[in-house]
Protein backbone atom coordinates (compact mmCIF):
# COMPACT_ATOMS: atom_id res chain seq x y z
CA ILE A 1 19.34 -11.65 17.95
CA LYS A 2 17.75 -14.64 16.30
CA ARG A 3 15.14 -14.03 13.69
CA THR A 4 11.87 -15.93 14.03
CA ALA A 5 11.26 -18.52 11.30
CA ALA A 6 8.07 -16.69 10.31
CA ALA A 7 9.90 -13.41 9.84
CA ALA A 8 12.63 -15.14 7.88
CA ASN A 9 9.97 -16.68 5.66
CA MET A 10 8.38 -13.31 5.12
CA SER A 11 11.70 -11.71 4.28
CA ARG A 12 12.08 -14.38 1.63
CA ALA A 13 8.50 -13.94 0.49
CA LEU A 14 9.09 -10.21 -0.03
CA LEU A 15 12.01 -11.17 -2.26
CA LEU A 16 10.00 -13.62 -4.33
CA SER A 17 6.50 -12.15 -4.43
CA GLY A 18 4.45 -9.15 -3.50
CA ALA A 19 6.65 -6.08 -3.64
CA ALA A 20 9.50 -8.04 -5.00
CA LEU A 21 7.67 -9.06 -8.15
CA ALA A 22 9.74 -6.51 -9.98
CA VAL A 23 12.55 -7.09 -12.44
CA ALA A 24 16.30 -6.73 -12.89
CA ALA A 25 18.67 -8.54 -15.18
CA SER A 26 22.22 -8.87 -14.01
CA ALA A 27 23.57 -5.32 -14.21
CA TYR A 28 25.75 -6.62 -17.00
CA TYR A 29 22.82 -7.19 -19.34
CA VAL A 30 21.07 -3.84 -18.93
CA THR A 31 21.04 -2.69 -22.59
CA SER A 32 18.68 -1.26 -25.15
CA SER A 33 18.12 0.12 -28.68
CA GLY A 34 16.06 0.33 -31.70
CA SER A 35 18.95 0.10 -34.13
CA SER A 36 21.62 -2.36 -32.99
CA SER A 37 22.18 -5.35 -35.27
CA LYS A 38 20.77 -8.69 -34.23
CA SER A 39 23.94 -10.55 -34.97
CA ARG A 40 27.29 -9.40 -36.16
CA ALA A 41 27.83 -12.77 -37.86
CA GLU A 42 24.59 -12.36 -39.79
CA LEU A 43 25.59 -8.90 -40.95
CA GLY A 44 29.10 -9.86 -41.99
CA GLY A 45 30.98 -8.13 -39.16
CA ALA A 46 30.72 -5.21 -36.79
CA ASP A 47 31.64 -2.41 -39.23
CA VAL A 48 28.17 -1.95 -40.66
CA ASP A 49 26.58 1.44 -41.20
CA ILE A 50 23.40 1.60 -39.10
CA ASP A 51 21.67 3.59 -41.84
CA ASP A 52 22.25 0.75 -44.27
CA LEU A 53 20.55 -1.85 -42.08
CA ASP A 54 17.15 -3.30 -42.84
CA SER A 55 14.70 -2.89 -39.95
CA ALA A 56 14.37 -6.67 -39.81
CA ASP A 57 18.07 -6.90 -38.91
CA CYS A 58 17.75 -4.50 -35.95
CA ILE A 59 16.91 -5.03 -32.31
CA ALA A 60 13.72 -3.08 -31.74
CA GLU A 61 12.21 -1.92 -28.46
CA ASP A 62 9.69 -4.78 -28.59
CA ASP A 63 12.61 -7.25 -28.90
CA VAL A 64 14.25 -5.90 -25.76
CA CYS A 65 10.93 -5.99 -23.89
CA ALA A 66 10.22 -9.56 -24.98
CA ILE A 67 13.69 -10.78 -23.93
CA PHE A 68 13.65 -9.14 -20.50
CA ASP A 69 10.04 -10.23 -19.90
CA GLN A 70 11.02 -13.82 -20.65
CA LEU A 71 14.05 -13.59 -18.31
CA PHE A 72 11.81 -12.11 -15.63
CA VAL A 73 9.16 -14.81 -15.80
CA GLN A 74 11.63 -17.66 -15.98
CA MET A 75 13.76 -16.33 -13.12
CA GLN A 76 10.66 -15.90 -10.98
CA SER A 77 9.98 -19.56 -11.49
CA VAL A 78 13.52 -20.38 -10.39
CA LEU A 79 13.10 -18.24 -7.31
CA ALA A 80 9.82 -19.90 -6.44
CA GLN A 81 11.55 -23.29 -6.56
CA LEU A 82 14.36 -21.99 -4.39
CA SER A 83 11.79 -20.61 -1.94
CA GLN A 84 10.20 -24.03 -1.57
CA GLN A 85 13.54 -25.69 -0.98
CA ILE A 86 14.50 -23.07 1.64
CA GLN A 87 11.15 -23.47 3.31
CA GLN A 88 11.61 -27.23 3.55
CA ILE A 89 15.02 -26.68 5.14
CA GLN A 90 13.56 -24.28 7.72
CA MET A 91 10.62 -26.59 8.47
CA SER A 92 13.12 -29.28 9.31
CA GLY A 93 14.30 -27.05 12.16
CA GLN A 94 17.34 -25.54 10.55
CA SER A 95 17.86 -21.78 10.72
CA ILE A 96 19.36 -19.88 7.78
CA PRO A 97 20.91 -16.52 8.75
CA GLU A 98 19.94 -13.63 6.52
CA PRO A 99 23.47 -13.09 5.04
CA GLN A 100 23.75 -16.81 4.20
CA LEU A 101 20.25 -16.80 2.72
CA ARG A 102 21.04 -13.86 0.44
CA GLN A 103 24.33 -15.49 -0.60
CA LEU A 104 22.56 -18.71 -1.44
CA LEU A 105 19.83 -16.98 -3.42
CA ARG A 106 22.39 -14.90 -5.32
CA GLN A 107 24.57 -17.86 -6.21
CA GLU A 108 21.62 -19.91 -7.44
CA PHE A 109 20.08 -16.90 -9.20
CA ASP A 110 23.32 -16.15 -11.10
CA ARG A 111 23.83 -19.81 -11.95
CA ALA A 112 20.31 -20.18 -13.35
CA LEU A 113 20.42 -16.83 -15.15
CA THR A 114 23.60 -17.81 -17.00
CA SER A 115 21.88 -20.89 -18.39
CA ILE A 116 18.45 -19.34 -19.07
CA GLN A 117 19.69 -16.20 -20.76
CA ASP A 118 21.68 -18.19 -23.33
CA LYS A 119 18.51 -20.03 -24.31
CA VAL A 120 16.44 -16.86 -24.41
CA PHE A 121 19.04 -15.11 -26.60
CA GLU A 122 19.06 -18.07 -28.97
CA GLU A 123 15.28 -18.29 -29.13
CA ASN A 124 15.08 -14.61 -29.98
CA ASP A 125 17.99 -14.83 -32.45
CA VAL A 126 20.01 -12.03 -30.83
CA ASP A 127 23.69 -11.63 -30.18
CA GLU A 128 24.57 -10.89 -26.54
CA ASP A 129 26.87 -7.97 -27.36
CA CYS A 130 24.34 -6.47 -29.74
CA LEU A 131 21.55 -6.79 -27.21
CA ARG A 132 23.71 -5.08 -24.59
CA GLU A 133 24.52 -2.24 -26.94
CA ALA A 134 20.87 -1.88 -27.96
CA THR A 135 19.65 -1.86 -24.37
CA TRP A 136 22.16 0.77 -23.27
CA GLU A 137 21.11 2.96 -26.18
CA MET A 138 17.44 2.70 -25.25
CA LEU A 139 18.06 3.37 -21.57
CA GLY A 140 19.96 6.45 -22.60
CA GLU A 141 16.70 7.74 -24.20
CA PRO A 142 14.04 6.66 -21.71
CA ASP A 143 11.41 9.08 -23.06
CA LYS A 144 11.81 7.57 -26.52
CA TYR A 145 11.86 3.95 -25.27
CA PRO A 146 9.64 3.87 -22.12
CA LYS A 147 8.62 0.22 -22.55
CA ALA A 148 12.23 -0.96 -22.72
CA LYS A 149 13.12 1.10 -19.62
CA LYS A 150 10.22 -0.43 -17.72
CA ALA A 151 11.03 -4.02 -18.77
CA VAL A 152 14.77 -3.70 -17.94
CA GLU A 153 14.26 -1.93 -14.64
CA ARG A 154 11.66 -4.48 -13.61
CA PHE A 155 14.28 -7.18 -14.11
CA GLN A 156 16.94 -5.06 -12.42
CA LYS A 157 14.62 -4.67 -9.40
CA LEU A 158 14.28 -8.45 -9.15
CA TYR A 159 18.04 -8.82 -9.12
CA GLU A 160 18.30 -6.00 -6.57
CA ASN A 161 15.72 -7.64 -4.32
CA VAL A 162 17.52 -10.93 -4.41
CA THR A 163 21.11 -9.72 -3.97
CA GLY A 164 20.68 -6.48 -2.07
CA GLU A 165 22.91 -4.79 -4.66
CA LYS A 166 21.57 -1.49 -6.02
CA VAL A 167 21.41 -1.88 -9.80
CA VAL A 168 18.18 -0.17 -10.80
CA GLY A 169 19.06 2.75 -13.01
CA ARG A 170 22.60 1.57 -13.63
CA ARG A 171 24.09 2.76 -16.85
CA PRO A 172 27.28 2.05 -18.89
CA GLY A 173 30.46 2.50 -16.90
CA GLY A 174 28.69 1.73 -13.64
CA GLU A 175 26.89 5.08 -13.53
CA GLY A 176 23.72 5.11 -11.50
CA GLY A 177 22.44 2.41 -9.19
CA GLY A 178 25.34 2.80 -6.73
CA GLY A 179 27.88 5.10 -5.16
CA ASP A 180 27.28 8.19 -3.03
CA ASP A 181 23.60 8.42 -3.97
CA ASP A 182 23.00 4.92 -2.64
CA LYS A 183 24.87 5.69 0.59
CA GLU A 184 22.75 8.78 1.07
CA ALA A 185 19.60 6.77 0.40
CA ALA A 186 20.67 4.10 2.85
CA ARG A 187 21.15 6.72 5.58
CA ALA A 188 17.71 8.11 4.84
CA ILE A 189 16.13 4.68 5.13
CA GLU A 190 17.96 4.03 8.39
CA ALA A 191 16.64 7.25 9.83
CA ALA A 192 13.09 6.49 8.64
CA VAL A 193 13.17 2.97 10.09
CA ALA A 194 14.01 4.34 13.52
CA ASP A 195 10.50 5.87 13.62
CA VAL A 196 8.73 2.62 12.61
CA SER A 197 7.52 0.94 15.77
CA GLU A 198 6.30 -2.65 15.84
CA GLU A 199 2.73 -1.43 16.03
CA LYS A 200 3.21 0.89 13.02
CA LEU A 201 4.86 -1.91 11.04
CA LEU A 202 1.96 -4.30 11.66
CA ARG A 203 -0.57 -1.68 10.58
CA ALA A 204 1.48 -0.88 7.47
CA ALA A 205 1.73 -4.62 6.66
CA GLU A 206 -2.04 -5.06 6.73
CA ILE A 207 -2.54 -2.00 4.52
CA TYR A 208 0.13 -3.15 2.10
CA PHE A 209 -1.13 -6.68 1.71
CA ASP A 210 -4.79 -5.57 1.47
CA ALA A 211 -3.90 -3.21 -1.36
CA LEU A 212 -1.69 -5.75 -3.09
CA THR A 213 -4.31 -8.54 -2.86
CA ALA A 214 -7.09 -6.24 -4.06
CA ALA A 215 -5.07 -5.23 -7.12
CA MET A 216 -4.05 -8.82 -7.85
CA SER A 217 -7.70 -9.99 -7.51
CA ALA A 218 -8.87 -7.28 -9.94
CA ILE A 219 -6.29 -8.45 -12.47
CA VAL A 220 -7.40 -12.07 -12.10
CA LYS A 221 -11.08 -11.23 -12.41
CA ARG A 222 -10.45 -9.16 -15.54
CA LEU A 223 -8.57 -11.97 -17.25
CA LYS A 224 -11.27 -14.45 -16.30
CA ASP A 225 -13.99 -12.10 -17.66
CA GLU A 226 -12.03 -12.05 -20.90
CA GLY A 227 -12.41 -15.81 -21.01
CA LYS A 228 -8.74 -16.60 -20.39
CA ASP A 229 -7.55 -19.88 -18.83
CA LEU A 230 -5.35 -19.07 -15.83
CA ARG A 231 -3.59 -22.45 -16.20
CA ASN A 232 -2.50 -21.65 -19.74
CA PRO A 233 1.28 -20.93 -19.60
CA SER A 234 0.98 -17.75 -21.69
CA VAL A 235 -1.88 -16.46 -19.53
CA ALA A 236 0.06 -17.34 -16.38
CA GLN A 237 2.99 -15.33 -17.74
CA GLN A 238 0.73 -12.36 -18.47
CA LEU A 239 -0.70 -12.65 -14.96
CA GLN A 240 2.75 -12.54 -13.34
CA MET A 241 3.81 -9.60 -15.47
CA GLU A 242 0.72 -7.60 -14.45
CA PHE A 243 1.23 -8.58 -10.80
CA ALA A 244 4.79 -7.23 -11.14
CA GLY A 245 3.49 -3.97 -12.50
CA SER A 246 0.18 -2.53 -11.42
CA ALA A 247 -0.30 -4.74 -8.34
CA ASN A 248 3.03 -3.80 -6.86
CA GLU A 249 2.45 -0.19 -7.62
CA ALA A 250 -0.83 -0.38 -5.68
CA GLY A 251 0.99 -1.85 -2.71
CA GLU A 252 3.68 0.79 -2.77
CA GLU A 253 1.14 3.62 -3.14
CA ALA A 254 -0.78 2.32 -0.11
CA LEU A 255 2.42 2.35 1.94
CA GLU A 256 3.30 5.84 0.78
CA LYS A 257 -0.06 7.15 1.95
CA GLU A 258 1.07 5.99 5.40
CA GLY A 259 4.35 7.87 4.99
CA ILE A 260 6.42 4.69 4.48
CA THR A 261 8.43 3.76 1.39
CA LEU A 262 8.75 0.17 0.27
CA ASP A 263 12.47 0.17 1.16
CA THR A 264 11.65 1.46 4.65
CA PHE A 265 8.97 -1.20 4.99
CA ARG A 266 11.44 -3.99 4.15
CA ALA A 267 14.05 -2.52 6.49
CA ALA A 268 11.47 -2.27 9.29
CA ILE A 269 10.71 -5.99 8.85
CA GLU A 270 14.38 -6.71 9.36
CA LYS A 271 14.49 -4.41 12.38
CA HIS A 272 11.56 -6.26 14.07
CA SER A 273 12.42 -9.73 12.72
CA SER A 274 12.96 -11.15 16.20
CA SER A 275 9.39 -10.29 17.23
CA PRO A 276 7.04 -13.33 17.35
CA ALA A 277 4.03 -11.00 16.80
CA VAL A 278 5.57 -9.63 13.61
CA GLY A 279 6.40 -13.11 12.35
CA ARG A 280 2.89 -14.43 13.03
CA THR A 281 1.13 -11.43 11.47
CA LEU A 282 3.23 -11.39 8.31
CA THR A 283 2.85 -15.13 7.81
CA MET A 284 -0.91 -14.85 8.36
CA LEU A 285 -1.20 -12.03 5.81
CA GLN A 286 0.82 -13.98 3.26
CA MET A 287 -1.31 -17.12 3.74
CA LYS A 288 -4.50 -15.06 3.51
CA GLN A 289 -3.34 -13.57 0.24
CA GLN A 290 -2.46 -16.97 -1.19
CA GLN A 291 -5.82 -18.42 -0.15
CA GLU A 292 -7.78 -15.56 -1.71
CA LEU A 293 -5.89 -15.90 -4.99
CA MET A 294 -6.24 -19.65 -5.06
CA ALA A 295 -10.00 -19.23 -4.45
CA LEU A 296 -10.07 -17.12 -7.63
CA GLY A 297 -8.38 -19.95 -9.54
CA VAL A 298 -4.77 -18.77 -9.54
CA PRO A 299 -2.45 -21.81 -9.65
CA SER A 300 0.07 -21.92 -6.81
CA MET A 301 3.63 -21.10 -7.89
């Protein structure tokens, strides 16, 4: 069954915006701490007693959050550029099958992440191994380091949305984010999707985008009331981070009130992707959201 171009565009849009404005570093870089050394070279080697370290030489929770926030924002920019390129290809009349689209996005995402993360690590003066160790430590104590957990899992979610690989909640040794639990979750989603008719999907889409746009608009208005320039790079970064947090949560909560999870919503879009009505409606909702945000002064990505 051939997917409509509009549905394919929306599938991509859900990867790059809206619900997909969440984060996930490559599963490899999911680490955390408040005590790992910033650089083994700086400290004269790896055999250093943690208790003897000065706090200035340690990776703190704020360091982990700053690093993963930077990766998140910069990788979102990369994905936005990829989205435009893919859209141009599709507008030329070429169809990109979903598996090929995901493979392309993953390859380009991984390639860009490799380059960007090296720069981010250098800018923050952290050693890759030390950051990994610190992040794992923090994720092992989520109640003690809630901000680090949120920043890392936001980036993990972005990676998950792009690749389709379950990495949110992954821990050292591959624990979490995969295995039997994921298979069971996949079966549950498959069963739930069977009950989502085209009519129910369209109604859920309207509710989801209305909630998402309302939350985004409230964030924009608040920042403007605070006198912030939306075209300032730092403000734009703050805006995207808040979109990724509270706005997405509003969209998910709206869906859950209808008895639909975000994963089921995405799967339902795939199920009905060959429907012209679904394609038209989703594209219309996306365009409406973009127009409303632009009317508030949000620069297009």
